[in-house]
Amino acid sequence: MKTIQNYVAPDAQSMRRLQDRLGYSDARMAELAGLDAAIPWHSFIGGAEPRSLGRQRLFFVAARLTLDEAQWQRVLAAMHDLGARFDYQDTRHPDALPAPEPVADEERKFGMLLVSRNGSFHEMEQLREFAHFAHEADVSRYVHSAFYDSDIDLCRFSFADHDGLDDSSRDRIFDAARKTITRFEFDGRIYQGGIPPESDG
């Protein structure tokens, strides 16, 4: 079975032309590409260094634009058959039901409680990466929880009551956050962290 090789993503101008041709808003384009609030559509068509649309995301866009609704529903049914669990709403119809209220997602990793207020996939991925780097730096025991407030796009940390939490340990926690969390608060200041590569999951 052949797979796509030597993929080169369409440039920002191509994506902008597609949006103009469709007459879609940024929110509708984000929906078309299967993005969530953590990755705005505008980041693919504007700015000094626009993001590239990965081949899985582009495949998703092309499938939505090519398949009729019955065919698309068969694809979604196949995804369910393969074990995936998700909610789907066809927002193209004006009588579509309102989207359900977001539900928080949380898990424990290396003793830390990781929480995304709205259950955002990308926030949870960032939190898991943070937990991994904190564990590698041997400071996970100092972090009680990492809470991503989806409503304001900001991650906050609470520290465990531990005698060994010195300046060096705090620096290593900060470094783990800086590598993984897009926007976080630390010692009363807000920082922009390294944005992880786009996940096409």
N, C-alpha and C. Protein backbone atom coordinates (compact mmCIF):
# COMPACT_ATOMS: atom_id res chain seq x y z
N MET A 1 0.84 -1.18 0.00
CA MET A 1 0.00 0.00 0.00
C MET A 1 0.88 1.25 0.00
N LYS A 2 0.71 2.07 -0.98
CA LYS A 2 1.56 3.26 -1.11
C LYS A 2 1.12 4.33 -0.11
N THR A 3 2.07 5.12 0.32
CA THR A 3 1.76 6.23 1.22
C THR A 3 2.31 7.51 0.61
N ILE A 4 1.86 8.64 1.12
CA ILE A 4 2.32 9.93 0.61
C ILE A 4 3.75 10.17 1.06
N GLN A 5 4.62 10.46 0.11
CA GLN A 5 6.02 10.74 0.44
C GLN A 5 6.41 12.09 -0.14
N ASN A 6 7.49 12.65 0.39
CA ASN A 6 8.03 13.93 -0.07
C ASN A 6 6.95 15.02 -0.08
N TYR A 7 6.14 15.03 0.97
CA TYR A 7 5.03 15.98 1.07
C TYR A 7 5.55 17.40 1.27
N VAL A 8 5.02 18.33 0.51
CA VAL A 8 5.30 19.76 0.69
C VAL A 8 3.95 20.44 0.92
N ALA A 9 3.82 21.09 2.05
CA ALA A 9 2.53 21.69 2.41
C ALA A 9 2.21 22.88 1.50
N PRO A 10 0.92 23.13 1.25
CA PRO A 10 0.56 24.34 0.50
C PRO A 10 0.97 25.58 1.29
N ASP A 11 1.35 26.63 0.59
CA ASP A 11 1.80 27.82 1.30
C ASP A 11 0.61 28.63 1.80
N ALA A 12 0.92 29.67 2.57
CA ALA A 12 -0.13 30.49 3.19
C ALA A 12 -1.03 31.13 2.14
N GLN A 13 -0.44 31.55 1.01
CA GLN A 13 -1.24 32.19 -0.03
C GLN A 13 -2.26 31.22 -0.62
N SER A 14 -1.87 29.96 -0.79
CA SER A 14 -2.80 28.96 -1.30
C SER A 14 -3.96 28.74 -0.34
N MET A 15 -3.65 28.69 0.96
CA MET A 15 -4.69 28.51 1.96
C MET A 15 -5.61 29.72 2.02
N ARG A 16 -5.03 30.91 1.85
CA ARG A 16 -5.84 32.12 1.85
C ARG A 16 -6.76 32.16 0.63
N ARG A 17 -6.24 31.72 -0.52
CA ARG A 17 -7.08 31.68 -1.73
C ARG A 17 -8.23 30.69 -1.56
N LEU A 18 -7.95 29.54 -0.93
CA LEU A 18 -9.01 28.57 -0.68
C LEU A 18 -10.09 29.19 0.21
N GLN A 19 -9.67 29.88 1.25
CA GLN A 19 -10.64 30.50 2.15
C GLN A 19 -11.48 31.54 1.41
N ASP A 20 -10.82 32.34 0.57
CA ASP A 20 -11.55 33.36 -0.20
C ASP A 20 -12.54 32.70 -1.15
N ARG A 21 -12.12 31.61 -1.79
CA ARG A 21 -13.00 30.92 -2.75
C ARG A 21 -14.22 30.33 -2.06
N LEU A 22 -14.00 29.78 -0.85
CA LEU A 22 -15.11 29.20 -0.11
C LEU A 22 -15.97 30.24 0.58
N GLY A 23 -15.36 31.42 0.85
CA GLY A 23 -16.09 32.46 1.57
C GLY A 23 -16.31 32.12 3.03
N TYR A 24 -15.38 31.35 3.61
CA TYR A 24 -15.52 30.90 4.98
C TYR A 24 -14.82 31.86 5.94
N SER A 25 -15.36 31.96 7.15
CA SER A 25 -14.70 32.70 8.23
C SER A 25 -13.51 31.89 8.74
N ASP A 26 -12.68 32.53 9.56
CA ASP A 26 -11.56 31.81 10.17
C ASP A 26 -12.06 30.64 11.01
N ALA A 27 -13.17 30.87 11.74
CA ALA A 27 -13.71 29.81 12.59
C ALA A 27 -14.18 28.63 11.75
N ARG A 28 -14.80 28.92 10.61
CA ARG A 28 -15.28 27.84 9.73
C ARG A 28 -14.11 27.09 9.10
N MET A 29 -13.05 27.80 8.75
CA MET A 29 -11.87 27.14 8.19
C MET A 29 -11.20 26.26 9.24
N ALA A 30 -11.15 26.73 10.49
CA ALA A 30 -10.58 25.92 11.56
C ALA A 30 -11.39 24.64 11.74
N GLU A 31 -12.69 24.77 11.64
CA GLU A 31 -13.57 23.59 11.72
C GLU A 31 -13.31 22.64 10.55
N LEU A 32 -13.15 23.20 9.36
CA LEU A 32 -12.90 22.40 8.16
C LEU A 32 -11.62 21.59 8.29
N ALA A 33 -10.60 22.20 8.93
CA ALA A 33 -9.31 21.54 9.08
C ALA A 33 -9.23 20.69 10.35
N GLY A 34 -10.31 20.65 11.12
CA GLY A 34 -10.32 19.84 12.34
C GLY A 34 -9.46 20.41 13.45
N LEU A 35 -9.31 21.73 13.47
CA LEU A 35 -8.50 22.38 14.50
C LEU A 35 -9.35 22.65 15.73
N ASP A 36 -8.71 22.83 16.89
CA ASP A 36 -9.45 23.29 18.05
C ASP A 36 -8.94 24.68 18.42
N ALA A 37 -9.46 25.22 19.51
CA ALA A 37 -9.16 26.60 19.87
C ALA A 37 -7.68 26.85 20.12
N ALA A 38 -6.91 25.81 20.40
CA ALA A 38 -5.49 26.00 20.70
C ALA A 38 -4.69 26.40 19.47
N ILE A 39 -5.22 26.10 18.27
CA ILE A 39 -4.50 26.44 17.03
C ILE A 39 -5.43 27.25 16.15
N PRO A 40 -5.32 28.57 16.13
CA PRO A 40 -6.20 29.39 15.30
C PRO A 40 -5.88 29.24 13.81
N TRP A 41 -6.90 29.29 12.99
CA TRP A 41 -6.70 29.18 11.54
C TRP A 41 -5.78 30.27 11.02
N HIS A 42 -5.89 31.46 11.60
CA HIS A 42 -5.10 32.59 11.09
C HIS A 42 -3.61 32.30 11.12
N SER A 43 -3.17 31.42 12.02
CA SER A 43 -1.74 31.12 12.10
C SER A 43 -1.23 30.39 10.86
N PHE A 44 -2.15 29.87 10.02
CA PHE A 44 -1.74 29.19 8.78
C PHE A 44 -1.70 30.14 7.58
N ILE A 45 -2.30 31.32 7.72
CA ILE A 45 -2.40 32.21 6.56
C ILE A 45 -1.80 33.59 6.80
N GLY A 46 -1.30 33.85 8.01
CA GLY A 46 -0.76 35.17 8.29
C GLY A 46 0.43 35.11 9.22
N GLY A 47 0.97 36.28 9.50
CA GLY A 47 2.11 36.38 10.40
C GLY A 47 3.43 36.25 9.65
N ALA A 48 4.49 36.53 10.38
CA ALA A 48 5.83 36.50 9.77
C ALA A 48 6.22 35.09 9.34
N GLU A 49 5.82 34.09 10.12
CA GLU A 49 6.14 32.69 9.81
C GLU A 49 4.88 31.84 9.94
N PRO A 50 4.05 31.81 8.89
CA PRO A 50 2.82 31.02 8.97
C PRO A 50 3.12 29.54 9.17
N ARG A 51 2.24 28.88 9.91
CA ARG A 51 2.38 27.44 10.12
C ARG A 51 2.09 26.70 8.83
N SER A 52 2.61 25.49 8.72
CA SER A 52 2.33 24.63 7.57
C SER A 52 1.25 23.62 7.94
N LEU A 53 0.35 23.39 7.01
CA LEU A 53 -0.72 22.42 7.24
C LEU A 53 -0.18 21.02 6.97
N GLY A 54 -0.13 20.19 8.01
CA GLY A 54 0.37 18.83 7.87
C GLY A 54 -0.47 18.02 6.90
N ARG A 55 0.10 16.95 6.39
CA ARG A 55 -0.61 16.19 5.35
C ARG A 55 -1.89 15.56 5.87
N GLN A 56 -1.91 15.16 7.16
CA GLN A 56 -3.15 14.58 7.70
C GLN A 56 -4.25 15.64 7.77
N ARG A 57 -3.87 16.85 8.18
CA ARG A 57 -4.86 17.92 8.24
C ARG A 57 -5.34 18.29 6.83
N LEU A 58 -4.41 18.35 5.88
CA LEU A 58 -4.81 18.68 4.51
C LEU A 58 -5.70 17.59 3.94
N PHE A 59 -5.40 16.34 4.27
CA PHE A 59 -6.25 15.23 3.85
C PHE A 59 -7.66 15.41 4.41
N PHE A 60 -7.73 15.83 5.68
CA PHE A 60 -9.02 16.07 6.33
C PHE A 60 -9.79 17.15 5.58
N VAL A 61 -9.12 18.26 5.24
CA VAL A 61 -9.76 19.35 4.49
C VAL A 61 -10.27 18.84 3.15
N ALA A 62 -9.38 18.14 2.42
CA ALA A 62 -9.75 17.65 1.08
C ALA A 62 -10.92 16.67 1.16
N ALA A 63 -10.93 15.81 2.19
CA ALA A 63 -12.03 14.85 2.34
C ALA A 63 -13.34 15.57 2.59
N ARG A 64 -13.32 16.59 3.45
CA ARG A 64 -14.55 17.33 3.76
C ARG A 64 -15.08 18.07 2.54
N LEU A 65 -14.15 18.54 1.70
CA LEU A 65 -14.58 19.28 0.51
C LEU A 65 -15.00 18.36 -0.63
N THR A 66 -14.57 17.09 -0.59
CA THR A 66 -14.81 16.17 -1.71
C THR A 66 -15.98 15.23 -1.45
N LEU A 67 -16.08 14.71 -0.24
CA LEU A 67 -17.09 13.71 0.06
C LEU A 67 -18.44 14.36 0.36
N ASP A 68 -19.52 13.71 -0.09
CA ASP A 68 -20.83 14.20 0.32
C ASP A 68 -21.08 13.72 1.75
N GLU A 69 -22.17 14.17 2.35
CA GLU A 69 -22.40 13.89 3.77
C GLU A 69 -22.53 12.39 4.05
N ALA A 70 -23.19 11.65 3.16
CA ALA A 70 -23.34 10.20 3.37
C ALA A 70 -21.98 9.51 3.36
N GLN A 71 -21.11 9.90 2.43
CA GLN A 71 -19.77 9.32 2.38
C GLN A 71 -18.97 9.69 3.62
N TRP A 72 -19.09 10.95 4.02
CA TRP A 72 -18.38 11.42 5.21
C TRP A 72 -18.83 10.65 6.45
N GLN A 73 -20.12 10.40 6.55
CA GLN A 73 -20.64 9.64 7.69
C GLN A 73 -20.09 8.21 7.70
N ARG A 74 -19.86 7.65 6.53
CA ARG A 74 -19.28 6.30 6.47
C ARG A 74 -17.83 6.33 6.97
N VAL A 75 -17.11 7.39 6.65
CA VAL A 75 -15.74 7.53 7.16
C VAL A 75 -15.77 7.63 8.68
N LEU A 76 -16.66 8.46 9.23
CA LEU A 76 -16.75 8.61 10.68
C LEU A 76 -17.14 7.29 11.34
N ALA A 77 -18.07 6.54 10.69
CA ALA A 77 -18.47 5.24 11.24
C ALA A 77 -17.28 4.28 11.26
N ALA A 78 -16.46 4.33 10.21
CA ALA A 78 -15.27 3.48 10.17
C ALA A 78 -14.30 3.85 11.29
N MET A 79 -14.16 5.14 11.58
CA MET A 79 -13.30 5.59 12.68
C MET A 79 -13.81 5.03 14.00
N HIS A 80 -15.14 5.07 14.19
CA HIS A 80 -15.72 4.48 15.40
C HIS A 80 -15.44 2.98 15.46
N ASP A 81 -15.57 2.31 14.31
CA ASP A 81 -15.34 0.86 14.27
C ASP A 81 -13.90 0.52 14.64
N LEU A 82 -12.97 1.44 14.33
CA LEU A 82 -11.56 1.22 14.64
C LEU A 82 -11.22 1.55 16.09
N GLY A 83 -12.23 1.97 16.84
CA GLY A 83 -12.01 2.18 18.27
C GLY A 83 -12.00 3.62 18.73
N ALA A 84 -12.11 4.59 17.81
CA ALA A 84 -12.09 5.99 18.21
C ALA A 84 -13.42 6.37 18.87
N ARG A 85 -13.36 7.33 19.76
CA ARG A 85 -14.56 7.86 20.39
C ARG A 85 -14.55 9.37 20.25
N PHE A 86 -15.61 9.93 19.72
CA PHE A 86 -15.69 11.37 19.52
C PHE A 86 -17.14 11.76 19.28
N ASP A 87 -17.41 13.05 19.42
CA ASP A 87 -18.73 13.61 19.10
C ASP A 87 -18.61 14.32 17.76
N TYR A 88 -19.68 14.30 17.00
CA TYR A 88 -19.66 14.96 15.70
C TYR A 88 -20.98 15.68 15.50
N GLN A 89 -20.88 16.90 15.00
CA GLN A 89 -22.07 17.69 14.70
C GLN A 89 -21.87 18.36 13.35
N ASP A 90 -22.83 18.20 12.47
CA ASP A 90 -22.75 18.85 11.16
C ASP A 90 -23.26 20.28 11.32
N THR A 91 -22.33 21.22 11.44
CA THR A 91 -22.72 22.61 11.69
C THR A 91 -23.11 23.36 10.43
N ARG A 92 -23.12 22.68 9.27
CA ARG A 92 -23.52 23.36 8.05
C ARG A 92 -25.03 23.60 8.01
N HIS A 93 -25.78 22.82 8.78
CA HIS A 93 -27.22 22.95 8.75
C HIS A 93 -27.68 23.91 9.84
N PRO A 94 -28.55 24.87 9.49
CA PRO A 94 -28.97 25.86 10.48
C PRO A 94 -29.74 25.26 11.64
N ASP A 95 -30.37 24.08 11.44
CA ASP A 95 -31.15 23.49 12.52
C ASP A 95 -30.32 22.53 13.38
N ALA A 96 -28.99 22.57 13.18
CA ALA A 96 -28.13 21.69 13.96
C ALA A 96 -28.23 22.06 15.44
N LEU A 97 -28.13 21.06 16.29
CA LEU A 97 -28.22 21.30 17.72
C LEU A 97 -26.99 22.08 18.19
N PRO A 98 -27.13 22.90 19.23
CA PRO A 98 -25.96 23.62 19.73
C PRO A 98 -24.91 22.65 20.24
N ALA A 99 -23.67 23.07 20.12
CA ALA A 99 -22.56 22.22 20.58
C ALA A 99 -22.66 22.03 22.09
N PRO A 100 -22.29 20.84 22.57
CA PRO A 100 -22.35 20.61 24.01
C PRO A 100 -21.34 21.49 24.74
N GLU A 101 -21.65 21.76 26.01
CA GLU A 101 -20.73 22.54 26.83
C GLU A 101 -19.42 21.77 26.98
N PRO A 102 -18.29 22.48 26.93
CA PRO A 102 -17.00 21.80 27.09
C PRO A 102 -16.91 21.12 28.46
N VAL A 103 -16.22 20.00 28.48
CA VAL A 103 -16.06 19.23 29.70
C VAL A 103 -14.57 19.17 30.03
N ALA A 104 -14.24 19.38 31.28
CA ALA A 104 -12.84 19.33 31.70
C ALA A 104 -12.26 17.94 31.51
N ASP A 105 -10.98 17.92 31.21
CA ASP A 105 -10.26 16.65 31.10
C ASP A 105 -9.11 16.70 32.09
N GLU A 106 -8.87 15.59 32.76
CA GLU A 106 -7.76 15.56 33.71
C GLU A 106 -7.16 14.16 33.77
N GLU A 107 -5.89 14.12 34.12
CA GLU A 107 -5.22 12.84 34.34
C GLU A 107 -4.02 13.08 35.24
N ARG A 108 -3.53 12.01 35.81
CA ARG A 108 -2.32 12.08 36.63
C ARG A 108 -1.15 11.50 35.86
N LYS A 109 -0.02 12.20 35.93
CA LYS A 109 1.19 11.73 35.26
C LYS A 109 2.37 12.07 36.15
N PHE A 110 3.16 11.06 36.47
CA PHE A 110 4.33 11.23 37.34
C PHE A 110 3.95 11.94 38.65
N GLY A 111 2.73 11.64 39.14
CA GLY A 111 2.28 12.21 40.40
C GLY A 111 1.65 13.59 40.29
N MET A 112 1.68 14.20 39.11
CA MET A 112 1.12 15.53 38.91
C MET A 112 -0.31 15.42 38.36
N LEU A 113 -1.19 16.29 38.82
CA LEU A 113 -2.54 16.37 38.27
C LEU A 113 -2.53 17.34 37.10
N LEU A 114 -2.89 16.86 35.92
CA LEU A 114 -2.93 17.69 34.71
C LEU A 114 -4.39 17.92 34.34
N VAL A 115 -4.77 19.19 34.18
CA VAL A 115 -6.17 19.52 33.92
C VAL A 115 -6.28 20.53 32.79
N SER A 116 -7.18 20.26 31.85
CA SER A 116 -7.59 21.23 30.84
C SER A 116 -9.04 21.59 31.12
N ARG A 117 -9.33 22.86 31.38
CA ARG A 117 -10.68 23.27 31.77
C ARG A 117 -11.74 22.82 30.76
N ASN A 118 -11.44 22.98 29.46
CA ASN A 118 -12.42 22.63 28.44
C ASN A 118 -12.11 21.31 27.74
N GLY A 119 -11.19 20.55 28.27
CA GLY A 119 -10.88 19.25 27.69
C GLY A 119 -10.23 19.34 26.33
N SER A 120 -9.44 20.38 26.10
CA SER A 120 -8.78 20.58 24.81
C SER A 120 -7.69 19.53 24.58
N PHE A 121 -7.74 18.88 23.43
CA PHE A 121 -6.74 17.87 23.07
C PHE A 121 -5.33 18.47 23.10
N HIS A 122 -5.16 19.64 22.49
CA HIS A 122 -3.82 20.23 22.39
C HIS A 122 -3.31 20.71 23.75
N GLU A 123 -4.21 21.18 24.60
CA GLU A 123 -3.77 21.56 25.95
C GLU A 123 -3.31 20.33 26.72
N MET A 124 -4.05 19.25 26.63
CA MET A 124 -3.65 18.03 27.33
C MET A 124 -2.33 17.50 26.78
N GLU A 125 -2.12 17.60 25.47
CA GLU A 125 -0.84 17.16 24.90
C GLU A 125 0.31 18.00 25.44
N GLN A 126 0.11 19.32 25.55
CA GLN A 126 1.15 20.18 26.11
C GLN A 126 1.42 19.83 27.57
N LEU A 127 0.35 19.58 28.33
CA LEU A 127 0.52 19.23 29.74
C LEU A 127 1.26 17.90 29.90
N ARG A 128 0.96 16.93 29.03
CA ARG A 128 1.67 15.65 29.09
C ARG A 128 3.15 15.83 28.77
N GLU A 129 3.44 16.68 27.78
CA GLU A 129 4.84 16.95 27.44
C GLU A 129 5.55 17.65 28.60
N PHE A 130 4.84 18.60 29.22
CA PHE A 130 5.41 19.28 30.39
C PHE A 130 5.75 18.25 31.47
N ALA A 131 4.81 17.34 31.74
CA ALA A 131 5.03 16.33 32.78
C ALA A 131 6.25 15.47 32.44
N HIS A 132 6.40 15.13 31.17
CA HIS A 132 7.54 14.32 30.75
C HIS A 132 8.86 15.06 31.03
N PHE A 133 8.94 16.34 30.63
CA PHE A 133 10.18 17.10 30.83
C PHE A 133 10.43 17.35 32.32
N ALA A 134 9.37 17.60 33.10
CA ALA A 134 9.55 17.80 34.54
C ALA A 134 10.07 16.52 35.19
N HIS A 135 9.56 15.38 34.75
CA HIS A 135 10.02 14.10 35.28
C HIS A 135 11.48 13.87 34.91
N GLU A 136 11.82 14.14 33.65
CA GLU A 136 13.21 13.97 33.21
C GLU A 136 14.16 14.86 34.00
N ALA A 137 13.66 16.04 34.38
CA ALA A 137 14.50 16.98 35.14
C ALA A 137 14.46 16.69 36.64
N ASP A 138 13.75 15.62 37.03
CA ASP A 138 13.66 15.18 38.43
C ASP A 138 13.03 16.25 39.33
N VAL A 139 11.98 16.93 38.78
CA VAL A 139 11.28 17.93 39.61
C VAL A 139 9.77 17.69 39.63
N SER A 140 9.32 16.56 39.11
CA SER A 140 7.88 16.32 39.06
C SER A 140 7.27 16.25 40.46
N ARG A 141 8.05 15.82 41.44
CA ARG A 141 7.52 15.70 42.81
C ARG A 141 7.20 17.05 43.42
N TYR A 142 7.73 18.13 42.84
CA TYR A 142 7.47 19.46 43.38
C TYR A 142 6.20 20.10 42.80
N VAL A 143 5.65 19.51 41.75
CA VAL A 143 4.47 20.09 41.09
C VAL A 143 3.24 19.32 41.52
N HIS A 144 2.34 19.99 42.19
CA HIS A 144 1.08 19.36 42.61
C HIS A 144 0.14 19.25 41.42
N SER A 145 -0.03 20.37 40.67
CA SER A 145 -0.94 20.34 39.52
C SER A 145 -0.53 21.37 38.49
N ALA A 146 -0.96 21.11 37.26
CA ALA A 146 -0.83 22.06 36.15
C ALA A 146 -2.22 22.21 35.55
N PHE A 147 -2.77 23.41 35.63
CA PHE A 147 -4.14 23.67 35.22
C PHE A 147 -4.15 24.61 34.02
N TYR A 148 -4.67 24.13 32.89
CA TYR A 148 -4.77 24.97 31.68
C TYR A 148 -6.16 25.56 31.64
N ASP A 149 -6.24 26.87 31.87
CA ASP A 149 -7.53 27.56 31.83
C ASP A 149 -7.83 27.90 30.36
N SER A 150 -8.62 27.05 29.73
CA SER A 150 -8.91 27.20 28.30
C SER A 150 -9.57 28.53 27.99
N ASP A 151 -10.36 29.05 28.93
CA ASP A 151 -11.11 30.28 28.67
C ASP A 151 -10.21 31.48 28.47
N ILE A 152 -9.03 31.47 29.11
CA ILE A 152 -8.11 32.60 28.97
C ILE A 152 -6.78 32.17 28.35
N ASP A 153 -6.71 30.92 27.88
CA ASP A 153 -5.51 30.39 27.24
C ASP A 153 -4.27 30.61 28.11
N LEU A 154 -4.33 30.11 29.35
CA LEU A 154 -3.23 30.31 30.29
C LEU A 154 -3.11 29.09 31.20
N CYS A 155 -1.88 28.62 31.36
CA CYS A 155 -1.62 27.49 32.25
C CYS A 155 -1.02 28.01 33.55
N ARG A 156 -1.54 27.47 34.66
CA ARG A 156 -1.02 27.84 35.98
C ARG A 156 -0.57 26.57 36.71
N PHE A 157 0.45 26.73 37.54
CA PHE A 157 0.99 25.60 38.29
C PHE A 157 0.77 25.82 39.78
N SER A 158 0.51 24.73 40.48
CA SER A 158 0.53 24.79 41.95
C SER A 158 1.61 23.82 42.40
N PHE A 159 2.38 24.26 43.38
CA PHE A 159 3.54 23.49 43.82
C PHE A 159 3.23 22.71 45.09
N ALA A 160 3.82 21.54 45.17
CA ALA A 160 3.64 20.70 46.35
C ALA A 160 4.42 21.30 47.52
N ASP A 161 3.92 21.07 48.70
CA ASP A 161 4.61 21.53 49.91
C ASP A 161 5.78 20.59 50.17
N HIS A 162 6.95 20.98 49.70
CA HIS A 162 8.10 20.08 49.73
C HIS A 162 9.34 20.88 50.12
N ASP A 163 10.10 20.36 51.06
CA ASP A 163 11.27 21.08 51.56
C ASP A 163 12.35 21.27 50.48
N GLY A 164 12.41 20.38 49.52
CA GLY A 164 13.49 20.46 48.53
C GLY A 164 13.24 21.41 47.37
N LEU A 165 12.11 22.14 47.41
CA LEU A 165 11.78 23.05 46.30
C LEU A 165 12.61 24.32 46.43
N ASP A 166 13.82 24.28 45.89
CA ASP A 166 14.71 25.45 45.94
C ASP A 166 14.69 26.17 44.61
N ASP A 167 15.50 27.22 44.51
CA ASP A 167 15.53 28.02 43.28
C ASP A 167 15.94 27.19 42.07
N SER A 168 16.88 26.27 42.26
CA SER A 168 17.33 25.44 41.15
C SER A 168 16.19 24.55 40.64
N SER A 169 15.42 23.99 41.56
CA SER A 169 14.29 23.14 41.16
C SER A 169 13.22 23.96 40.44
N ARG A 170 12.96 25.17 40.95
CA ARG A 170 11.97 26.04 40.30
C ARG A 170 12.43 26.40 38.88
N ASP A 171 13.73 26.61 38.72
CA ASP A 171 14.26 26.91 37.39
C ASP A 171 14.03 25.74 36.43
N ARG A 172 14.19 24.51 36.94
CA ARG A 172 13.98 23.34 36.08
C ARG A 172 12.50 23.15 35.74
N ILE A 173 11.63 23.48 36.67
CA ILE A 173 10.19 23.44 36.38
C ILE A 173 9.86 24.49 35.31
N PHE A 174 10.42 25.69 35.49
CA PHE A 174 10.20 26.76 34.51
C PHE A 174 10.69 26.33 33.13
N ASP A 175 11.87 25.71 33.08
CA ASP A 175 12.41 25.26 31.79
C ASP A 175 11.49 24.24 31.13
N ALA A 176 10.93 23.33 31.92
CA ALA A 176 10.01 22.33 31.37
C ALA A 176 8.77 23.00 30.79
N ALA A 177 8.27 24.02 31.49
CA ALA A 177 7.11 24.76 31.00
C ALA A 177 7.45 25.55 29.74
N ARG A 178 8.62 26.17 29.75
CA ARG A 178 9.03 27.01 28.61
C ARG A 178 9.16 26.17 27.33
N LYS A 179 9.53 24.91 27.47
CA LYS A 179 9.69 24.04 26.30
C LYS A 179 8.36 23.55 25.74
N THR A 180 7.32 23.54 26.57
CA THR A 180 6.12 22.79 26.18
C THR A 180 4.81 23.55 26.20
N ILE A 181 4.68 24.57 27.05
CA ILE A 181 3.40 25.23 27.25
C ILE A 181 3.35 26.55 26.47
N THR A 182 2.33 26.71 25.67
CA THR A 182 2.22 27.89 24.81
C THR A 182 2.18 29.19 25.61
N ARG A 183 1.39 29.21 26.68
CA ARG A 183 1.25 30.43 27.48
C ARG A 183 1.03 30.02 28.94
N PHE A 184 1.89 30.51 29.82
CA PHE A 184 1.79 30.07 31.21
C PHE A 184 2.21 31.18 32.17
N GLU A 185 1.73 31.04 33.41
CA GLU A 185 2.07 31.99 34.47
C GLU A 185 3.08 31.33 35.40
N PHE A 186 4.10 32.09 35.75
CA PHE A 186 5.13 31.57 36.66
C PHE A 186 5.64 32.72 37.51
N ASP A 187 5.55 32.55 38.81
CA ASP A 187 5.98 33.59 39.76
C ASP A 187 5.34 34.95 39.45
N GLY A 188 4.06 34.90 39.10
CA GLY A 188 3.31 36.15 38.89
C GLY A 188 3.49 36.80 37.54
N ARG A 189 4.30 36.21 36.66
CA ARG A 189 4.50 36.77 35.33
C ARG A 189 4.00 35.78 34.29
N ILE A 190 3.55 36.31 33.14
CA ILE A 190 3.05 35.46 32.06
C ILE A 190 4.12 35.33 30.99
N TYR A 191 4.35 34.09 30.56
CA TYR A 191 5.39 33.79 29.58
C TYR A 191 4.79 33.08 28.37
N GLN A 192 5.44 33.28 27.23
CA GLN A 192 5.11 32.54 26.02
C GLN A 192 6.13 31.42 25.89
N GLY A 193 5.63 30.20 25.84
CA GLY A 193 6.54 29.06 25.73
C GLY A 193 6.69 28.58 24.31
N GLY A 194 7.53 27.57 24.14
CA GLY A 194 7.71 26.98 22.83
C GLY A 194 6.45 26.24 22.41
N ILE A 195 5.98 26.52 21.19
CA ILE A 195 4.78 25.86 20.71
C ILE A 195 5.17 24.50 20.15
N PRO A 196 4.61 23.42 20.69
CA PRO A 196 4.96 22.10 20.18
C PRO A 196 4.54 21.94 18.72
N PRO A 197 5.19 21.02 17.98
CA PRO A 197 4.78 20.79 16.61
C PRO A 197 3.32 20.40 16.55
N GLU A 198 2.66 20.81 15.45
CA GLU A 198 1.24 20.49 15.30
C GLU A 198 1.01 19.00 15.31
N SER A 199 0.03 18.58 16.10
CA SER A 199 -0.35 17.17 16.11
C SER A 199 -1.49 16.95 15.16
N ASP A 200 -1.36 15.95 14.33
CA ASP A 200 -2.43 15.66 13.38
C ASP A 200 -3.36 14.59 13.91
N GLY A 201 -3.25 14.30 15.21
CA GLY A 201 -4.10 13.29 15.82
C GLY A 201 -5.51 13.79 16.03
